[in-house]
Amino acid sequence: MYGWIWRHLPGNTLVRAVLALALALGVVYLLFQYVFPWAEPLLPFNDVTVDDAQGGTDR
């Protein structure tokens, strides 16, 4: 997949590297702004079931 992207980017190696970096940053931005907030309510990370079964005190 990365080879396909690299071959289809225009320019020399420096231009391709800058474009690949911009593409990667764009994907990260889209994930953090749209995908992760949409998926967060669907994930079970807030369903914590920790109890004090030993009867100890909080320290």
Protein backbone atom coordinates (compact mmCIF):
# COMPACT_ATOMS: atom_id res chain seq x y z
CA MET A 1 0.00 0.00 0.00
CA TYR A 2 2.75 2.48 0.92
CA GLY A 3 4.65 1.60 -2.24
CA TRP A 4 1.56 2.30 -4.32
CA ILE A 5 1.11 5.69 -2.66
CA TRP A 6 4.81 6.52 -3.10
CA ARG A 7 4.75 5.61 -6.80
CA HIS A 8 1.68 7.77 -7.45
CA LEU A 9 2.94 10.91 -5.72
CA PRO A 10 4.35 13.48 -8.15
CA GLY A 11 7.83 15.02 -7.99
CA ASN A 12 11.26 13.97 -6.85
CA THR A 13 12.13 12.27 -3.57
CA LEU A 14 12.03 15.45 -1.49
CA VAL A 15 8.64 16.51 -2.87
CA ARG A 16 7.27 13.01 -2.41
CA ALA A 17 8.49 12.94 1.20
CA VAL A 18 6.82 16.28 1.97
CA LEU A 19 3.59 15.16 0.29
CA ALA A 20 3.66 11.83 2.12
CA LEU A 21 4.14 13.65 5.43
CA ALA A 22 1.27 16.03 4.64
CA LEU A 23 -0.92 13.07 3.68
CA ALA A 24 -0.10 11.25 6.93
CA LEU A 25 -0.78 14.37 9.01
CA GLY A 26 -4.08 14.84 7.19
CA VAL A 27 -5.12 11.29 8.00
CA VAL A 28 -4.20 11.76 11.68
CA TYR A 29 -6.15 15.03 11.77
CA LEU A 30 -9.25 13.37 10.28
CA LEU A 31 -8.99 10.51 12.75
CA PHE A 32 -8.75 12.78 15.80
CA GLN A 33 -11.39 15.27 14.64
CA TYR A 34 -14.05 12.96 13.22
CA VAL A 35 -13.47 9.23 13.56
CA PHE A 36 -12.36 8.94 17.19
CA PRO A 37 -15.11 11.24 18.59
CA TRP A 38 -17.70 9.29 16.61
CA ALA A 39 -16.39 5.92 17.82
CA GLU A 40 -15.76 6.89 21.46
CA PRO A 41 -19.30 6.20 22.72
CA LEU A 42 -19.18 2.78 21.08
CA LEU A 43 -16.02 1.68 22.92
CA PRO A 44 -16.22 0.03 26.35
CA PHE A 45 -13.36 1.96 27.99
CA ASN A 46 -15.64 3.70 30.51
CA ASP A 47 -17.32 0.47 31.62
CA VAL A 48 -15.02 -0.12 34.59
CA THR A 49 -16.05 -2.63 37.23
CA VAL A 50 -13.49 -2.27 40.00
CA ASP A 51 -14.64 -2.87 43.53
CA ASP A 52 -12.90 -3.17 46.84
CA ALA A 53 -13.45 -6.87 47.45
CA GLN A 54 -10.62 -7.04 50.03
CA GLY A 55 -12.25 -4.52 52.34
CA GLY A 56 -9.16 -2.33 52.46
CA THR A 57 -9.06 1.41 52.83
CA ASP A 58 -8.26 3.94 50.14
CA ARG A 59 -4.73 5.24 50.40
